[in-house]
Amino acid sequence: MTNRKVLLIGWDAADWEHITPMPEEGLMPTLDSFIDRGVMGNLATPDALEFRGDR
């Protein structure tokens, strides 16, 4: 079994609809390289009302 490195990038309020064209146009070559060699996707966000802090 080989050791594998994992890089998780969290981009708050990012939307793939706006991000995806940038690497395709050559504006973000490093991100394009990460995507080409790995996986990309959306993470589910819990309802913001659950975290109001007014308990």
N, C-alpha and C. Protein backbone atom coordinates (compact mmCIF):
# COMPACT_ATOMS: atom_id res chain seq x y z
N MET A 1 0.85 -1.18 0.00
CA MET A 1 0.00 0.00 0.00
C MET A 1 0.89 1.24 0.00
N THR A 2 0.59 2.17 -0.87
CA THR A 2 1.39 3.40 -0.94
C THR A 2 0.72 4.51 -0.15
N ASN A 3 1.55 5.39 0.37
CA ASN A 3 1.01 6.57 1.06
C ASN A 3 0.53 7.57 0.02
N ARG A 4 -0.67 8.10 0.24
CA ARG A 4 -1.22 9.07 -0.69
C ARG A 4 -1.43 10.38 0.05
N LYS A 5 -1.15 11.46 -0.61
CA LYS A 5 -1.36 12.78 -0.04
C LYS A 5 -2.72 13.29 -0.48
N VAL A 6 -3.37 14.02 0.42
CA VAL A 6 -4.69 14.58 0.14
C VAL A 6 -4.64 16.07 0.37
N LEU A 7 -5.16 16.82 -0.56
CA LEU A 7 -5.28 18.27 -0.42
C LEU A 7 -6.75 18.61 -0.56
N LEU A 8 -7.32 19.18 0.48
CA LEU A 8 -8.73 19.58 0.46
C LEU A 8 -8.77 21.10 0.48
N ILE A 9 -9.36 21.68 -0.54
CA ILE A 9 -9.47 23.13 -0.63
C ILE A 9 -10.92 23.51 -0.40
N GLY A 10 -11.16 24.33 0.60
CA GLY A 10 -12.49 24.85 0.87
C GLY A 10 -12.54 26.31 0.47
N TRP A 11 -13.47 26.64 -0.40
CA TRP A 11 -13.55 28.00 -0.93
C TRP A 11 -14.92 28.53 -0.57
N ASP A 12 -15.01 29.33 0.48
CA ASP A 12 -16.27 29.82 1.00
C ASP A 12 -17.00 30.66 -0.04
N ALA A 13 -18.26 30.38 -0.24
CA ALA A 13 -19.16 31.09 -1.16
C ALA A 13 -18.75 30.93 -2.63
N ALA A 14 -17.90 29.98 -2.93
CA ALA A 14 -17.49 29.74 -4.31
C ALA A 14 -18.57 28.94 -5.04
N ASP A 15 -18.75 29.22 -6.29
CA ASP A 15 -19.74 28.53 -7.10
C ASP A 15 -19.03 28.01 -8.35
N TRP A 16 -19.13 26.69 -8.59
CA TRP A 16 -18.44 26.10 -9.73
C TRP A 16 -18.88 26.73 -11.04
N GLU A 17 -20.09 27.26 -11.09
CA GLU A 17 -20.57 27.92 -12.30
C GLU A 17 -19.67 29.10 -12.67
N HIS A 18 -19.12 29.76 -11.67
CA HIS A 18 -18.24 30.91 -11.91
C HIS A 18 -16.76 30.52 -11.94
N ILE A 19 -16.41 29.48 -11.22
CA ILE A 19 -15.01 29.08 -11.12
C ILE A 19 -14.56 28.28 -12.35
N THR A 20 -15.38 27.34 -12.81
CA THR A 20 -14.99 26.42 -13.88
C THR A 20 -14.47 27.13 -15.14
N PRO A 21 -15.08 28.21 -15.60
CA PRO A 21 -14.55 28.85 -16.82
C PRO A 21 -13.13 29.40 -16.67
N MET A 22 -12.75 29.81 -15.45
CA MET A 22 -11.43 30.43 -15.27
C MET A 22 -10.27 29.50 -15.60
N PRO A 23 -10.20 28.28 -15.05
CA PRO A 23 -9.10 27.39 -15.45
C PRO A 23 -9.17 27.01 -16.93
N GLU A 24 -10.38 26.87 -17.45
CA GLU A 24 -10.53 26.52 -18.86
C GLU A 24 -9.98 27.61 -19.77
N GLU A 25 -10.02 28.87 -19.31
CA GLU A 25 -9.51 30.00 -20.09
C GLU A 25 -8.04 30.28 -19.79
N GLY A 26 -7.43 29.45 -18.93
CA GLY A 26 -6.02 29.62 -18.60
C GLY A 26 -5.75 30.65 -17.53
N LEU A 27 -6.80 31.09 -16.82
CA LEU A 27 -6.63 32.12 -15.80
C LEU A 27 -6.18 31.57 -14.45
N MET A 28 -6.36 30.27 -14.23
CA MET A 28 -5.97 29.64 -12.97
C MET A 28 -5.29 28.30 -13.26
N PRO A 29 -4.06 28.34 -13.76
CA PRO A 29 -3.41 27.09 -14.18
C PRO A 29 -3.15 26.10 -13.04
N THR A 30 -2.87 26.60 -11.86
CA THR A 30 -2.61 25.68 -10.74
C THR A 30 -3.89 24.95 -10.35
N LEU A 31 -4.99 25.67 -10.25
CA LEU A 31 -6.27 25.03 -9.96
C LEU A 31 -6.63 24.04 -11.06
N ASP A 32 -6.39 24.40 -12.30
CA ASP A 32 -6.64 23.51 -13.42
C ASP A 32 -5.85 22.21 -13.28
N SER A 33 -4.61 22.32 -12.85
CA SER A 33 -3.76 21.14 -12.65
C SER A 33 -4.31 20.26 -11.52
N PHE A 34 -4.74 20.88 -10.42
CA PHE A 34 -5.33 20.11 -9.30
C PHE A 34 -6.57 19.36 -9.78
N ILE A 35 -7.43 20.04 -10.52
CA ILE A 35 -8.67 19.42 -10.99
C ILE A 35 -8.37 18.29 -11.96
N ASP A 36 -7.41 18.50 -12.87
CA ASP A 36 -7.06 17.46 -13.84
C ASP A 36 -6.51 16.21 -13.18
N ARG A 37 -5.81 16.37 -12.06
CA ARG A 37 -5.18 15.23 -11.40
C ARG A 37 -5.99 14.68 -10.24
N GLY A 38 -7.16 15.28 -9.97
CA GLY A 38 -7.92 14.85 -8.80
C GLY A 38 -9.41 14.84 -9.05
N VAL A 39 -10.12 15.31 -8.05
CA VAL A 39 -11.58 15.29 -8.06
C VAL A 39 -12.07 16.65 -7.58
N MET A 40 -13.21 17.09 -8.11
CA MET A 40 -13.83 18.31 -7.60
C MET A 40 -15.30 18.04 -7.37
N GLY A 41 -15.91 18.81 -6.50
CA GLY A 41 -17.33 18.62 -6.23
C GLY A 41 -17.84 19.61 -5.21
N ASN A 42 -19.11 19.53 -4.94
CA ASN A 42 -19.76 20.41 -3.97
C ASN A 42 -19.89 19.71 -2.63
N LEU A 43 -19.81 20.48 -1.57
CA LEU A 43 -20.08 19.98 -0.23
C LEU A 43 -21.43 20.52 0.20
N ALA A 44 -22.21 19.69 0.86
CA ALA A 44 -23.51 20.13 1.36
C ALA A 44 -23.30 21.10 2.52
N THR A 45 -24.07 22.15 2.55
CA THR A 45 -23.99 23.14 3.60
C THR A 45 -25.22 23.03 4.49
N PRO A 46 -25.01 22.91 5.81
CA PRO A 46 -26.17 22.85 6.70
C PRO A 46 -26.92 24.18 6.71
N ASP A 47 -28.16 24.11 7.11
CA ASP A 47 -28.99 25.31 7.22
C ASP A 47 -28.35 26.30 8.18
N ALA A 48 -28.17 27.52 7.76
CA ALA A 48 -27.51 28.55 8.58
C ALA A 48 -28.25 28.81 9.89
N LEU A 49 -29.55 28.58 9.93
CA LEU A 49 -30.31 28.82 11.16
C LEU A 49 -29.89 27.89 12.29
N GLU A 50 -29.29 26.76 11.96
CA GLU A 50 -28.83 25.83 12.98
C GLU A 50 -27.65 26.39 13.76
N PHE A 51 -26.97 27.41 13.24
CA PHE A 51 -25.75 27.92 13.84
C PHE A 51 -25.88 29.38 14.30
N ARG A 52 -27.08 29.81 14.66
CA ARG A 52 -27.30 31.20 15.06
C ARG A 52 -26.61 31.55 16.36
N GLY A 53 -26.44 30.59 17.24
CA GLY A 53 -25.75 30.84 18.49
C GLY A 53 -26.60 31.49 19.57
N ASP A 54 -27.91 31.62 19.38
CA ASP A 54 -28.75 32.24 20.39
C ASP A 54 -29.48 31.19 21.23
N ARG A 55 -28.75 30.25 21.72
CA ARG A 55 -29.34 29.13 22.48
C ARG A 55 -29.73 29.56 23.87
